[in-house]
């Protein structure tokens, strides 16, 4: 199964679709920022990308939590269907 990414704006990196990839990218950004070798402009750009990644990661965690809640309702074990199970919040 191929993983898709969200498109960033002009010249912006794409947001990975997998949570683990988001965390890895965030880690790289933190390392770059902590190294102290970036210009102010590059630091701000890296910080902005980090915020976008953090928000995307939070959204993935929220979705996972909703899926678990739906599955646990009434000991249900059917696959999660966002369209059917109210995932369009």
PDB file of N, CA and C in Angstrom:
ATOM      1  N   UNK A   1       0.841  -1.173   0.000  1.00  0.00           N
ATOM      2  CA  UNK A   1       0.000   0.000   0.000  1.00  0.00           C
ATOM      3  C   UNK A   1       0.890   1.240   0.000  1.00  0.00           C
ATOM      4  N   UNK A   2       0.682   2.142  -0.915  1.00  0.00           N
ATOM      5  CA  UNK A   2       1.511   3.332  -1.057  1.00  0.00           C
ATOM      6  C   UNK A   2       1.035   4.419  -0.103  1.00  0.00           C
ATOM      7  N   UNK A   3       1.980   5.069   0.558  1.00  0.00           N
ATOM      8  CA  UNK A   3       1.650   6.141   1.481  1.00  0.00           C
ATOM      9  C   UNK A   3       1.643   7.454   0.718  1.00  0.00           C
ATOM     10  N   UNK A   4       0.617   8.254   0.950  1.00  0.00           N
ATOM     11  CA  UNK A   4       0.537   9.546   0.294  1.00  0.00           C
ATOM     12  C   UNK A   4       0.971  10.625   1.267  1.00  0.00           C
ATOM     13  N   UNK A   5       1.234  11.782   0.715  1.00  0.00           N
ATOM     14  CA  UNK A   5       1.605  12.914   1.536  1.00  0.00           C
ATOM     15  C   UNK A   5       0.716  14.082   1.190  1.00  0.00           C
ATOM     16  N   UNK A   6       0.586  15.019   2.128  1.00  0.00           N
ATOM     17  CA  UNK A   6      -0.148  16.242   1.859  1.00  0.00           C
ATOM     18  C   UNK A   6       0.806  17.209   1.190  1.00  0.00           C
ATOM     19  N   UNK A   7       0.318  17.912   0.202  1.00  0.00           N
ATOM     20  CA  UNK A   7       1.138  18.894  -0.485  1.00  0.00           C
ATOM     21  C   UNK A   7       1.327  20.121   0.381  1.00  0.00           C
ATOM     22  N   UNK A   8       2.558  20.610   0.428  1.00  0.00           N
ATOM     23  CA  UNK A   8       2.824  21.870   1.098  1.00  0.00           C
ATOM     24  C   UNK A   8       2.579  22.996   0.106  1.00  0.00           C
ATOM     25  N   UNK A   9       2.785  24.226   0.522  1.00  0.00           N
ATOM     26  CA  UNK A   9       2.657  25.360  -0.381  1.00  0.00           C
ATOM     27  C   UNK A   9       3.844  25.400  -1.326  1.00  0.00           C
ATOM     28  N   UNK A  10       3.953  26.474  -2.072  1.00  0.00           N
ATOM     29  CA  UNK A  10       5.037  26.607  -3.041  1.00  0.00           C
ATOM     30  C   UNK A  10       6.391  26.467  -2.359  1.00  0.00           C
ATOM     31  N   UNK A  11       7.157  25.473  -2.760  1.00  0.00           N
ATOM     32  CA  UNK A  11       8.488  25.266  -2.225  1.00  0.00           C
ATOM     33  C   UNK A  11       8.543  24.629  -0.847  1.00  0.00           C
ATOM     34  N   UNK A  12       7.387  24.312  -0.261  1.00  0.00           N
ATOM     35  CA  UNK A  12       7.369  23.699   1.070  1.00  0.00           C
ATOM     36  C   UNK A  12       7.399  22.182   0.954  1.00  0.00           C
ATOM     37  N   UNK A  13       8.087  21.516   1.874  1.00  0.00           N
ATOM     38  CA  UNK A  13       8.090  20.053   1.868  1.00  0.00           C
ATOM     39  C   UNK A  13       6.689  19.519   2.138  1.00  0.00           C
ATOM     40  N   UNK A  14       6.429  18.337   1.629  1.00  0.00           N
ATOM     41  CA  UNK A  14       5.138  17.704   1.848  1.00  0.00           C
ATOM     42  C   UNK A  14       5.084  17.111   3.252  1.00  0.00           C
ATOM     43  N   UNK A  15       3.865  16.964   3.764  1.00  0.00           N
ATOM     44  CA  UNK A  15       3.652  16.374   5.083  1.00  0.00           C
ATOM     45  C   UNK A  15       3.456  14.876   4.894  1.00  0.00           C
ATOM     46  N   UNK A  16       4.265  14.041   5.540  1.00  0.00           N
ATOM     47  CA  UNK A  16       4.092  12.587   5.403  1.00  0.00           C
ATOM     48  C   UNK A  16       2.721  12.146   5.926  1.00  0.00           C
ATOM     49  N   UNK A  17       2.208  11.061   5.392  1.00  0.00           N
ATOM     50  CA  UNK A  17       0.911  10.566   5.843  1.00  0.00           C
ATOM     51  C   UNK A  17       1.043   9.648   7.049  1.00  0.00           C
ATOM     52  N   UNK A  18       2.200   9.032   7.252  1.00  0.00           N
ATOM     53  CA  UNK A  18       2.392   8.135   8.389  1.00  0.00           C
ATOM     54  C   UNK A  18       2.890   8.916   9.600  1.00  0.00           C
ATOM     55  N   UNK A  19       2.305   8.615  10.744  1.00  0.00           N
ATOM     56  CA  UNK A  19       2.667   9.283  11.993  1.00  0.00           C
ATOM     57  C   UNK A  19       4.161   9.132  12.291  1.00  0.00           C
ATOM     58  N   UNK A  20       4.682   7.941  12.095  1.00  0.00           N
ATOM     59  CA  UNK A  20       6.087   7.681  12.396  1.00  0.00           C
ATOM     60  C   UNK A  20       7.009   8.538  11.531  1.00  0.00           C
ATOM     61  N   UNK A  21       6.614   8.769  10.278  1.00  0.00           N
ATOM     62  CA  UNK A  21       7.410   9.617   9.383  1.00  0.00           C
ATOM     63  C   UNK A  21       7.355  11.075   9.823  1.00  0.00           C
ATOM     64  N   UNK A  22       6.196  11.497  10.323  1.00  0.00           N
ATOM     65  CA  UNK A  22       6.056  12.860  10.832  1.00  0.00           C
ATOM     66  C   UNK A  22       7.000  13.060  12.020  1.00  0.00           C
ATOM     67  N   UNK A  23       7.012  12.102  12.941  1.00  0.00           N
ATOM     68  CA  UNK A  23       7.873  12.198  14.120  1.00  0.00           C
ATOM     69  C   UNK A  23       9.345  12.234  13.705  1.00  0.00           C
ATOM     70  N   UNK A  24       9.716  11.425  12.724  1.00  0.00           N
ATOM     71  CA  UNK A  24      11.102  11.409  12.248  1.00  0.00           C
ATOM     72  C   UNK A  24      11.486  12.768  11.657  1.00  0.00           C
ATOM     73  N   UNK A  25      10.590  13.354  10.864  1.00  0.00           N
ATOM     74  CA  UNK A  25      10.872  14.667  10.276  1.00  0.00           C
ATOM     75  C   UNK A  25      10.969  15.736  11.348  1.00  0.00           C
ATOM     76  N   UNK A  26      10.087  15.665  12.346  1.00  0.00           N
ATOM     77  CA  UNK A  26      10.150  16.621  13.454  1.00  0.00           C
ATOM     78  C   UNK A  26      11.485  16.514  14.181  1.00  0.00           C
ATOM     79  N   UNK A  27      11.945  15.293  14.390  1.00  0.00           N
ATOM     80  CA  UNK A  27      13.223  15.071  15.056  1.00  0.00           C
ATOM     81  C   UNK A  27      14.364  15.716  14.265  1.00  0.00           C
ATOM     82  N   UNK A  28      14.326  15.571  12.953  1.00  0.00           N
ATOM     83  CA  UNK A  28      15.359  16.182  12.113  1.00  0.00           C
ATOM     84  C   UNK A  28      15.338  17.701  12.231  1.00  0.00           C
ATOM     85  N   UNK A  29      14.134  18.269  12.265  1.00  0.00           N
ATOM     86  CA  UNK A  29      14.014  19.724  12.381  1.00  0.00           C
ATOM     87  C   UNK A  29      14.549  20.199  13.721  1.00  0.00           C
ATOM     88  N   UNK A  30      14.219  19.480  14.783  1.00  0.00           N
ATOM     89  CA  UNK A  30      14.713  19.847  16.116  1.00  0.00           C
ATOM     90  C   UNK A  30      16.241  19.808  16.135  1.00  0.00           C
ATOM     91  N   UNK A  31      16.830  18.776  15.549  1.00  0.00           N
ATOM     92  CA  UNK A  31      18.290  18.682  15.496  1.00  0.00           C
ATOM     93  C   UNK A  31      18.896  19.866  14.754  1.00  0.00           C
ATOM     94  N   UNK A  32      18.273  20.234  13.622  1.00  0.00           N
ATOM     95  CA  UNK A  32      18.772  21.377  12.848  1.00  0.00           C
ATOM     96  C   UNK A  32      18.692  22.663  13.656  1.00  0.00           C
ATOM     97  N   UNK A  33      17.561  22.855  14.337  1.00  0.00           N
ATOM     98  CA  UNK A  33      17.390  24.072  15.134  1.00  0.00           C
ATOM     99  C   UNK A  33      18.355  24.109  16.316  1.00  0.00           C
ATOM    100  N   UNK A  34      18.562  22.966  16.944  1.00  0.00           N
ATOM    101  CA  UNK A  34      19.459  22.909  18.104  1.00  0.00           C
ATOM    102  C   UNK A  34      20.921  23.037  17.723  1.00  0.00           C
ATOM    103  N   UNK A  35      21.249  22.761  16.476  1.00  0.00           N
ATOM    104  CA  UNK A  35      22.646  22.854  16.052  1.00  0.00           C
ATOM    105  C   UNK A  35      23.147  24.296  16.077  1.00  0.00           C
ATOM    106  N   UNK A  36      22.223  25.234  15.940  1.00  0.00           N
ATOM    107  CA  UNK A  36      22.599  26.649  15.998  1.00  0.00           C
ATOM    108  C   UNK A  36      23.249  27.177  14.748  1.00  0.00           C
ATOM    109  N   UNK A  37      23.354  26.383  13.698  1.00  0.00           N
ATOM    110  CA  UNK A  37      24.036  26.828  12.493  1.00  0.00           C
ATOM    111  C   UNK A  37      23.135  27.442  11.439  1.00  0.00           C
ATOM    112  N   UNK A  38      21.855  27.642  11.749  1.00  0.00           N
ATOM    113  CA  UNK A  38      20.921  28.181  10.763  1.00  0.00           C
ATOM    114  C   UNK A  38      20.824  29.698  10.880  1.00  0.00           C
ATOM    115  N   UNK A  39      20.566  30.333   9.753  1.00  0.00           N
ATOM    116  CA  UNK A  39      20.294  31.771   9.783  1.00  0.00           C
ATOM    117  C   UNK A  39      18.927  31.991  10.429  1.00  0.00           C
ATOM    118  N   UNK A  40      18.633  33.217  10.764  1.00  0.00           N
ATOM    119  CA  UNK A  40      17.339  33.538  11.362  1.00  0.00           C
ATOM    120  C   UNK A  40      16.208  33.117  10.432  1.00  0.00           C
ATOM    121  N   UNK A  41      16.337  33.422   9.159  1.00  0.00           N
ATOM    122  CA  UNK A  41      15.296  33.081   8.188  1.00  0.00           C
ATOM    123  C   UNK A  41      15.106  31.567   8.075  1.00  0.00           C
ATOM    124  N   UNK A  42      16.226  30.836   8.028  1.00  0.00           N
ATOM    125  CA  UNK A  42      16.141  29.381   7.946  1.00  0.00           C
ATOM    126  C   UNK A  42      15.571  28.788   9.233  1.00  0.00           C
ATOM    127  N   UNK A  43      15.908  29.393  10.362  1.00  0.00           N
ATOM    128  CA  UNK A  43      15.368  28.923  11.637  1.00  0.00           C
ATOM    129  C   UNK A  43      13.851  29.112  11.689  1.00  0.00           C
ATOM    130  N   UNK A  44      13.384  30.266  11.238  1.00  0.00           N
ATOM    131  CA  UNK A  44      11.943  30.524  11.234  1.00  0.00           C
ATOM    132  C   UNK A  44      11.236  29.570  10.287  1.00  0.00           C
ATOM    133  N   UNK A  45      11.810  29.334   9.112  1.00  0.00           N
ATOM    134  CA  UNK A  45      11.204  28.403   8.154  1.00  0.00           C
ATOM    135  C   UNK A  45      11.146  26.988   8.729  1.00  0.00           C
ATOM    136  N   UNK A  46      12.223  26.572   9.391  1.00  0.00           N
ATOM    137  CA  UNK A  46      12.247  25.243  10.003  1.00  0.00           C
ATOM    138  C   UNK A  46      11.213  25.157  11.124  1.00  0.00           C
ATOM    139  N   UNK A  47      11.111  26.207  11.923  1.00  0.00           N
ATOM    140  CA  UNK A  47      10.127  26.241  13.004  1.00  0.00           C
ATOM    141  C   UNK A  47       8.710  26.146  12.440  1.00  0.00           C
ATOM    142  N   UNK A  48       8.428  26.905  11.383  1.00  0.00           N
ATOM    143  CA  UNK A  48       7.096  26.856  10.754  1.00  0.00           C
ATOM    144  C   UNK A  48       6.779  25.456  10.252  1.00  0.00           C
ATOM    145  N   UNK A  49       7.752  24.820   9.626  1.00  0.00           N
ATOM    146  CA  UNK A  49       7.541  23.453   9.139  1.00  0.00           C
ATOM    147  C   UNK A  49       7.310  22.508  10.318  1.00  0.00           C
ATOM    148  N   UNK A  50       8.041  22.716  11.405  1.00  0.00           N
ATOM    149  CA  UNK A  50       7.854  21.898  12.595  1.00  0.00           C
ATOM    150  C   UNK A  50       6.456  22.038  13.177  1.00  0.00           C
ATOM    151  N   UNK A  51       5.945  23.258  13.197  1.00  0.00           N
ATOM    152  CA  UNK A  51       4.582  23.484  13.700  1.00  0.00           C
ATOM    153  C   UNK A  51       3.567  22.756  12.816  1.00  0.00           C
ATOM    154  N   UNK A  52       3.744  22.839  11.513  1.00  0.00           N
ATOM    155  CA  UNK A  52       2.830  22.138  10.593  1.00  0.00           C
ATOM    156  C   UNK A  52       2.896  20.631  10.812  1.00  0.00           C
ATOM    157  N   UNK A  53       4.096  20.109  10.977  1.00  0.00           N
ATOM    158  CA  UNK A  53       4.258  18.675  11.222  1.00  0.00           C
ATOM    159  C   UNK A  53       3.632  18.271  12.559  1.00  0.00           C
ATOM    160  N   UNK A  54       3.829  19.096  13.582  1.00  0.00           N
ATOM    161  CA  UNK A  54       3.254  18.796  14.897  1.00  0.00           C
ATOM    162  C   UNK A  54       1.729  18.773  14.820  1.00  0.00           C
ATOM    163  N   UNK A  55       1.152  19.710  14.099  1.00  0.00           N
ATOM    164  CA  UNK A  55      -0.313  19.736  13.944  1.00  0.00           C
ATOM    165  C   UNK A  55      -0.798  18.515  13.169  1.00  0.00           C
ATOM    166  N   UNK A  56      -0.061  18.144  12.126  1.00  0.00           N
ATOM    167  CA  UNK A  56      -0.441  16.960  11.352  1.00  0.00           C
ATOM    168  C   UNK A  56      -0.334  15.703  12.212  1.00  0.00           C
ATOM    169  N   UNK A  57       0.711  15.606  13.021  1.00  0.00           N
ATOM    170  CA  UNK A  57       0.870  14.467  13.916  1.00  0.00           C
ATOM    171  C   UNK A  57      -0.252  14.400  14.933  1.00  0.00           C
ATOM    172  N   UNK A  58      -0.629  15.545  15.462  1.00  0.00           N
ATOM    173  CA  UNK A  58      -1.731  15.603  16.419  1.00  0.00           C
ATOM    174  C   UNK A  58      -3.037  15.150  15.763  1.00  0.00           C
ATOM    175  N   UNK A  59      -3.243  15.553  14.521  1.00  0.00           N
ATOM    176  CA  UNK A  59      -4.447  15.131  13.805  1.00  0.00           C
ATOM    177  C   UNK A  59      -4.451  13.615  13.599  1.00  0.00           C
ATOM    178  N   UNK A  60      -3.282  13.033  13.292  1.00  0.00           N
ATOM    179  CA  UNK A  60      -3.203  11.573  13.118  1.00  0.00           C
ATOM    180  C   UNK A  60      -3.534  10.864  14.430  1.00  0.00           C
ATOM    181  N   UNK A  61      -3.025  11.399  15.555  1.00  0.00           N
ATOM    182  CA  UNK A  61      -3.318  10.800  16.856  1.00  0.00           C
ATOM    183  C   UNK A  61      -4.799  10.921  17.197  1.00  0.00           C
ATOM    184  N   UNK A  62      -5.400  12.074  16.894  1.00  0.00           N
ATOM    185  CA  UNK A  62      -6.838  12.253  17.141  1.00  0.00           C
ATOM    186  C   UNK A  62      -7.651  11.246  16.338  1.00  0.00           C
ATOM    187  N   UNK A  63      -7.270  11.053  15.081  1.00  0.00           N
ATOM    188  CA  UNK A  63      -7.975  10.095  14.227  1.00  0.00           C
ATOM    189  C   UNK A  63      -7.832   8.676  14.782  1.00  0.00           C
ATOM    190  N   UNK A  64      -6.641   8.324  15.226  1.00  0.00           N
ATOM    191  CA  UNK A  64      -6.428   6.997  15.800  1.00  0.00           C
ATOM    192  C   UNK A  64      -7.281   6.816  17.053  1.00  0.00           C
ATOM    193  N   UNK A  65      -7.356   7.849  17.870  1.00  0.00           N
ATOM    194  CA  UNK A  65      -8.171   7.776  19.082  1.00  0.00           C
ATOM    195  C   UNK A  65      -9.644   7.582  18.732  1.00  0.00           C
ATOM    196  N   UNK A  66     -10.134   8.313  17.728  1.00  0.00           N
ATOM    197  CA  UNK A  66     -11.532   8.150  17.296  1.00  0.00           C
ATOM    198  C   UNK A  66     -11.785   6.729  16.797  1.00  0.00           C
ATOM    199  N   UNK A  67     -10.829   6.198  16.057  1.00  0.00           N
ATOM    200  CA  UNK A  67     -10.994   4.836  15.544  1.00  0.00           C
ATOM    201  C   UNK A  67     -11.076   3.824  16.684  1.00  0.00           C
ATOM    202  N   UNK A  68     -10.208   3.989  17.677  1.00  0.00           N
ATOM    203  CA  UNK A  68     -10.220   3.077  18.823  1.00  0.00           C
ATOM    204  C   UNK A  68     -11.547   3.209  19.569  1.00  0.00           C
ATOM    205  N   UNK A  69     -12.007   4.435  19.783  1.00  0.00           N
ATOM    206  CA  UNK A  69     -13.279   4.640  20.482  1.00  0.00           C
ATOM    207  C   UNK A  69     -14.431   3.970  19.745  1.00  0.00           C
ATOM    208  N   UNK A  70     -14.457   4.106  18.419  1.00  0.00           N
ATOM    209  CA  UNK A  70     -15.517   3.485  17.624  1.00  0.00           C
ATOM    210  C   UNK A  70     -15.440   1.964  17.741  1.00  0.00           C
ATOM    211  N   UNK A  71     -14.242   1.422  17.673  1.00  0.00           N
ATOM    212  CA  UNK A  71     -14.082  -0.029  17.763  1.00  0.00           C
ATOM    213  C   UNK A  71     -14.464  -0.566  19.134  1.00  0.00           C
ATOM    214  N   UNK A  72     -14.242   0.219  20.169  1.00  0.00           N
ATOM    215  CA  UNK A  72     -14.544  -0.245  21.518  1.00  0.00           C
ATOM    216  C   UNK A  72     -16.018  -0.094  21.886  1.00  0.00           C
ATOM    217  N   UNK A  73     -16.762   0.707  21.120  1.00  0.00           N
ATOM    218  CA  UNK A  73     -18.193   0.867  21.385  1.00  0.00           C
ATOM    219  C   UNK A  73     -18.873  -0.478  21.226  1.00  0.00           C
ATOM    220  N   UNK A  74     -19.466  -0.972  22.285  1.00  0.00           N
ATOM    221  CA  UNK A  74     -20.205  -2.223  22.214  1.00  0.00           C
ATOM    222  C   UNK A  74     -19.363  -3.403  21.785  1.00  0.00           C
ATOM    223  N   UNK A  75     -18.078  -3.390  22.122  1.00  0.00           N
ATOM    224  CA  UNK A  75     -17.166  -4.474  21.750  1.00  0.00           C
ATOM    225  C   UNK A  75     -17.161  -4.744  20.250  1.00  0.00           C
ATOM    226  N   UNK A  76     -17.310  -3.708  19.477  1.00  0.00           N
ATOM    227  CA  UNK A  76     -17.371  -3.819  18.021  1.00  0.00           C
ATOM    228  C   UNK A  76     -15.986  -4.120  17.452  1.00  0.00           C
ATOM    229  N   UNK A  77     -15.918  -5.000  16.467  1.00  0.00           N
ATOM    230  CA  UNK A  77     -14.633  -5.343  15.856  1.00  0.00           C
ATOM    231  C   UNK A  77     -14.629  -5.128  14.345  1.00  0.00           C
ATOM    232  N   UNK A  78     -15.688  -4.542  13.796  1.00  0.00           N
ATOM    233  CA  UNK A  78     -15.740  -4.289  12.347  1.00  0.00           C
ATOM    234  C   UNK A  78     -14.732  -3.199  11.995  1.00  0.00           C
ATOM    235  N   UNK A  79     -14.202  -3.225  10.763  1.00  0.00           N
ATOM    236  CA  UNK A  79     -13.254  -2.185  10.343  1.00  0.00           C
ATOM    237  C   UNK A  79     -13.885  -0.802  10.421  1.00  0.00           C
ATOM    238  N   UNK A  80     -13.070   0.187  10.698  1.00  0.00           N
ATOM    239  CA  UNK A  80     -13.501   1.573  10.806  1.00  0.00           C
ATOM    240  C   UNK A  80     -13.760   2.144   9.423  1.00  0.00           C
ATOM    241  N   UNK A  81     -14.893   2.791   9.244  1.00  0.00           N
ATOM    242  CA  UNK A  81     -15.244   3.467   8.007  1.00  0.00           C
ATOM    243  C   UNK A  81     -15.569   4.908   8.373  1.00  0.00           C
ATOM    244  N   UNK A  82     -14.660   5.870   8.099  1.00  0.00           N
ATOM    245  CA  UNK A  82     -14.902   7.258   8.517  1.00  0.00           C
ATOM    246  C   UNK A  82     -16.214   7.825   7.997  1.00  0.00           C
ATOM    247  N   UNK A  83     -16.598   7.463   6.782  1.00  0.00           N
ATOM    248  CA  UNK A  83     -17.837   7.987   6.233  1.00  0.00           C
ATOM    249  C   UNK A  83     -19.044   7.482   7.020  1.00  0.00           C
ATOM    250  N   UNK A  84     -18.988   6.223   7.407  1.00  0.00           N
ATOM    251  CA  UNK A  84     -20.107   5.610   8.120  1.00  0.00           C
ATOM    252  C   UNK A  84     -20.060   5.919   9.613  1.00  0.00           C
ATOM    253  N   UNK A  85     -18.864   6.021  10.170  1.00  0.00           N
ATOM    254  CA  UNK A  85     -18.711   6.094  11.613  1.00  0.00           C
ATOM    255  C   UNK A  85     -18.456   7.509  12.143  1.00  0.00           C
ATOM    256  N   UNK A  86     -18.793   8.529  11.364  1.00  0.00           N
ATOM    257  CA  UNK A  86     -18.699   9.892  11.864  1.00  0.00           C
ATOM    258  C   UNK A  86     -17.311  10.461  11.929  1.00  0.00           C
ATOM    259  N   UNK A  87     -16.417  10.072  11.040  1.00  0.00           N
ATOM    260  CA  UNK A  87     -15.045  10.564  11.057  1.00  0.00           C
ATOM    261  C   UNK A  87     -14.880  11.934  10.443  1.00  0.00           C
ATOM    262  N   UNK A  88     -15.926  12.519   9.870  1.00  0.00           N
ATOM    263  CA  UNK A  88     -15.793  13.819   9.209  1.00  0.00           C
ATOM    264  C   UNK A  88     -16.003  14.987  10.128  1.00  0.00           C
ATOM    265  N   UNK A  89     -15.610  14.923  11.321  1.00  0.00           N
ATOM    266  CA  UNK A  89     -15.783  15.926  12.366  1.00  0.00           C
ATOM    267  C   UNK A  89     -15.347  17.268  11.962  1.00  0.00           C
TER     268      UNK A  89
END
